[in-house]
């Protein structure tokens, strides 16, 4: 089943891997947009905006660092 060509010469596993990375990156960018919009709508100011990005951004920063640590240690 893994030898079947799905689209553009990609196997199912390759397609899933690429689409996961692309969609996850799009989700992180959308979350950054939401945080920025929240800071603008609430009139948070400079320091409030910085804290919003730091605190709310730590969630996906931790998720990204988890993937990097797994890759470095070879746990994947």
N, C-alpha and C. Protein backbone atom coordinates (compact mmCIF):
# COMPACT_ATOMS: atom_id res chain seq x y z
N UNK A 1 0.82 -1.19 0.00
CA UNK A 1 0.00 0.00 0.00
C UNK A 1 0.86 1.25 0.00
N UNK A 2 2.04 1.20 0.62
CA UNK A 2 2.91 2.37 0.64
C UNK A 2 3.55 2.63 -0.71
N UNK A 3 3.55 1.65 -1.61
CA UNK A 3 4.18 1.82 -2.91
C UNK A 3 3.27 2.50 -3.92
N UNK A 4 2.02 2.72 -3.57
CA UNK A 4 1.09 3.36 -4.49
C UNK A 4 1.43 4.83 -4.63
N UNK A 5 1.38 5.32 -5.87
CA UNK A 5 1.64 6.74 -6.12
C UNK A 5 0.31 7.47 -5.98
N UNK A 6 0.32 8.54 -5.16
CA UNK A 6 -0.92 9.26 -4.89
C UNK A 6 -1.07 10.46 -5.81
N UNK A 7 -0.14 11.39 -5.74
CA UNK A 7 -0.28 12.63 -6.49
C UNK A 7 1.10 13.22 -6.69
N UNK A 8 1.40 13.65 -7.90
CA UNK A 8 2.70 14.24 -8.24
C UNK A 8 3.86 13.32 -7.89
N UNK A 9 3.66 12.04 -7.97
CA UNK A 9 4.73 11.08 -7.70
C UNK A 9 5.02 10.87 -6.23
N UNK A 10 4.13 11.26 -5.34
CA UNK A 10 4.34 11.10 -3.91
C UNK A 10 3.57 9.90 -3.38
N UNK A 11 4.19 9.21 -2.44
CA UNK A 11 3.46 8.14 -1.77
C UNK A 11 2.57 8.76 -0.71
N UNK A 12 1.73 7.96 -0.11
CA UNK A 12 0.81 8.46 0.89
C UNK A 12 1.55 9.02 2.10
N UNK A 13 2.59 8.34 2.55
CA UNK A 13 3.35 8.80 3.71
C UNK A 13 4.06 10.12 3.42
N UNK A 14 4.61 10.28 2.23
CA UNK A 14 5.28 11.53 1.87
C UNK A 14 4.28 12.68 1.80
N UNK A 15 3.12 12.40 1.20
CA UNK A 15 2.08 13.42 1.10
C UNK A 15 1.60 13.86 2.47
N UNK A 16 1.40 12.91 3.39
CA UNK A 16 0.96 13.24 4.75
C UNK A 16 2.01 14.06 5.48
N UNK A 17 3.26 13.71 5.31
CA UNK A 17 4.34 14.44 5.97
C UNK A 17 4.42 15.88 5.49
N UNK A 18 4.36 16.08 4.19
CA UNK A 18 4.44 17.42 3.62
C UNK A 18 3.21 18.24 4.00
N UNK A 19 2.03 17.64 3.90
CA UNK A 19 0.81 18.40 4.21
C UNK A 19 0.73 18.74 5.69
N UNK A 20 1.24 17.88 6.57
CA UNK A 20 1.25 18.20 7.99
C UNK A 20 2.13 19.41 8.26
N UNK A 21 3.31 19.46 7.67
CA UNK A 21 4.21 20.58 7.88
C UNK A 21 3.63 21.88 7.32
N UNK A 22 3.04 21.82 6.15
CA UNK A 22 2.48 23.02 5.52
C UNK A 22 1.27 23.52 6.31
N UNK A 23 0.38 22.62 6.68
CA UNK A 23 -0.82 23.04 7.42
C UNK A 23 -0.49 23.52 8.82
N UNK A 24 0.49 22.90 9.45
CA UNK A 24 0.89 23.33 10.79
C UNK A 24 1.54 24.72 10.73
N UNK A 25 2.35 24.97 9.72
CA UNK A 25 2.94 26.30 9.56
C UNK A 25 1.85 27.34 9.29
N UNK A 26 0.85 27.00 8.49
CA UNK A 26 -0.25 27.92 8.23
C UNK A 26 -1.04 28.19 9.50
N UNK A 27 -1.23 27.18 10.33
CA UNK A 27 -1.95 27.36 11.58
C UNK A 27 -1.19 28.27 12.53
N UNK A 28 0.12 28.12 12.62
CA UNK A 28 0.93 28.98 13.48
C UNK A 28 0.88 30.42 12.99
N UNK A 29 0.97 30.63 11.70
CA UNK A 29 0.88 31.99 11.15
C UNK A 29 -0.49 32.61 11.42
N UNK A 30 -1.53 31.81 11.32
CA UNK A 30 -2.87 32.30 11.61
C UNK A 30 -3.01 32.65 13.09
N UNK A 31 -2.41 31.85 13.97
CA UNK A 31 -2.44 32.15 15.39
C UNK A 31 -1.70 33.45 15.69
N UNK A 32 -0.59 33.69 15.00
CA UNK A 32 0.13 34.96 15.18
C UNK A 32 -0.73 36.14 14.73
N UNK A 33 -1.46 35.95 13.64
CA UNK A 33 -2.37 37.00 13.18
C UNK A 33 -3.46 37.26 14.21
N UNK A 34 -4.01 36.21 14.80
CA UNK A 34 -5.06 36.37 15.82
C UNK A 34 -4.52 37.10 17.04
N UNK A 35 -3.31 36.76 17.48
CA UNK A 35 -2.71 37.44 18.63
C UNK A 35 -2.50 38.92 18.32
N UNK A 36 -2.00 39.22 17.14
CA UNK A 36 -1.81 40.62 16.75
C UNK A 36 -3.12 41.38 16.67
N UNK A 37 -4.14 40.74 16.14
CA UNK A 37 -5.44 41.37 16.05
C UNK A 37 -6.04 41.59 17.44
N UNK A 38 -5.84 40.64 18.33
CA UNK A 38 -6.31 40.78 19.70
C UNK A 38 -5.63 41.96 20.39
N UNK A 39 -4.33 42.11 20.18
CA UNK A 39 -3.61 43.23 20.77
C UNK A 39 -4.10 44.56 20.20
N UNK A 40 -4.39 44.59 18.93
CA UNK A 40 -4.86 45.83 18.29
C UNK A 40 -6.26 46.19 18.77
N UNK A 41 -7.15 45.22 18.83
CA UNK A 41 -8.53 45.47 19.23
C UNK A 41 -8.64 45.87 20.70
N UNK A 42 -7.76 45.32 21.55
CA UNK A 42 -7.83 45.63 22.97
C UNK A 42 -7.02 46.87 23.34
N UNK A 43 -6.35 47.46 22.35
CA UNK A 43 -5.51 48.63 22.57
C UNK A 43 -4.50 48.37 23.69
N UNK A 44 -3.77 47.27 23.54
CA UNK A 44 -2.88 46.80 24.59
C UNK A 44 -1.64 47.67 24.76
N UNK A 45 -1.25 48.41 23.77
CA UNK A 45 -0.03 49.20 23.86
C UNK A 45 1.19 48.34 23.53
N UNK A 46 2.36 48.95 23.63
CA UNK A 46 3.58 48.25 23.25
C UNK A 46 3.88 47.08 24.17
N UNK A 47 3.89 47.33 25.48
CA UNK A 47 4.25 46.27 26.41
C UNK A 47 3.17 45.20 26.50
N UNK A 48 1.93 45.60 26.41
CA UNK A 48 0.84 44.63 26.41
C UNK A 48 0.91 43.71 25.20
N UNK A 49 1.24 44.29 24.04
CA UNK A 49 1.37 43.48 22.83
C UNK A 49 2.52 42.51 22.95
N UNK A 50 3.63 42.98 23.51
CA UNK A 50 4.78 42.09 23.69
C UNK A 50 4.41 40.93 24.60
N UNK A 51 3.73 41.22 25.70
CA UNK A 51 3.35 40.16 26.63
C UNK A 51 2.34 39.20 26.01
N UNK A 52 1.43 39.72 25.20
CA UNK A 52 0.48 38.83 24.53
C UNK A 52 1.22 37.85 23.62
N UNK A 53 2.16 38.36 22.83
CA UNK A 53 2.91 37.48 21.94
C UNK A 53 3.77 36.49 22.72
N UNK A 54 4.38 36.94 23.82
CA UNK A 54 5.24 36.05 24.59
C UNK A 54 4.40 34.95 25.24
N UNK A 55 3.36 35.33 25.96
CA UNK A 55 2.58 34.35 26.72
C UNK A 55 1.78 33.43 25.82
N UNK A 56 1.06 34.00 24.87
CA UNK A 56 0.24 33.16 24.00
C UNK A 56 1.07 32.43 22.96
N UNK A 57 2.23 32.96 22.62
CA UNK A 57 3.09 32.31 21.64
C UNK A 57 3.89 31.16 22.22
N UNK A 58 4.01 31.06 23.55
CA UNK A 58 4.78 29.98 24.15
C UNK A 58 4.18 28.60 23.87
N UNK A 59 2.87 28.56 23.66
CA UNK A 59 2.22 27.27 23.38
C UNK A 59 2.73 26.64 22.11
N UNK A 60 2.67 27.35 21.01
CA UNK A 60 3.15 26.75 19.76
C UNK A 60 4.66 26.75 19.67
N UNK A 61 5.35 27.61 20.42
CA UNK A 61 6.80 27.56 20.47
C UNK A 61 7.25 26.26 21.14
N UNK A 62 6.55 25.86 22.19
CA UNK A 62 6.85 24.59 22.84
C UNK A 62 6.60 23.42 21.92
N UNK A 63 5.53 23.49 21.13
CA UNK A 63 5.22 22.40 20.20
C UNK A 63 6.30 22.29 19.13
N UNK A 64 6.77 23.41 18.63
CA UNK A 64 7.82 23.40 17.61
C UNK A 64 9.13 22.91 18.19
N UNK A 65 9.46 23.35 19.41
CA UNK A 65 10.71 22.91 20.03
C UNK A 65 10.68 21.42 20.33
N UNK A 66 9.50 20.88 20.65
CA UNK A 66 9.38 19.44 20.87
C UNK A 66 9.78 18.67 19.61
N UNK A 67 9.34 19.13 18.47
CA UNK A 67 9.72 18.48 17.21
C UNK A 67 11.20 18.59 16.93
N UNK A 68 11.78 19.75 17.22
CA UNK A 68 13.23 19.92 17.01
C UNK A 68 14.04 19.03 17.94
N UNK A 69 13.63 18.93 19.19
CA UNK A 69 14.35 18.09 20.15
C UNK A 69 14.25 16.63 19.73
N UNK A 70 13.09 16.20 19.27
CA UNK A 70 12.95 14.82 18.79
C UNK A 70 13.86 14.56 17.61
N UNK A 71 13.97 15.52 16.70
CA UNK A 71 14.81 15.35 15.52
C UNK A 71 16.29 15.29 15.93
N UNK A 72 16.70 16.16 16.87
CA UNK A 72 18.09 16.18 17.31
C UNK A 72 18.48 14.87 18.01
N UNK A 73 17.57 14.38 18.87
CA UNK A 73 17.86 13.15 19.60
C UNK A 73 17.60 11.89 18.78
N UNK A 74 16.96 12.02 17.64
CA UNK A 74 16.70 10.87 16.79
C UNK A 74 15.58 10.00 17.31
N UNK A 75 14.62 10.58 18.00
CA UNK A 75 13.50 9.83 18.61
C UNK A 75 12.40 9.56 17.60
N UNK A 76 12.29 10.36 16.59
CA UNK A 76 11.20 10.23 15.60
C UNK A 76 11.02 8.83 15.28
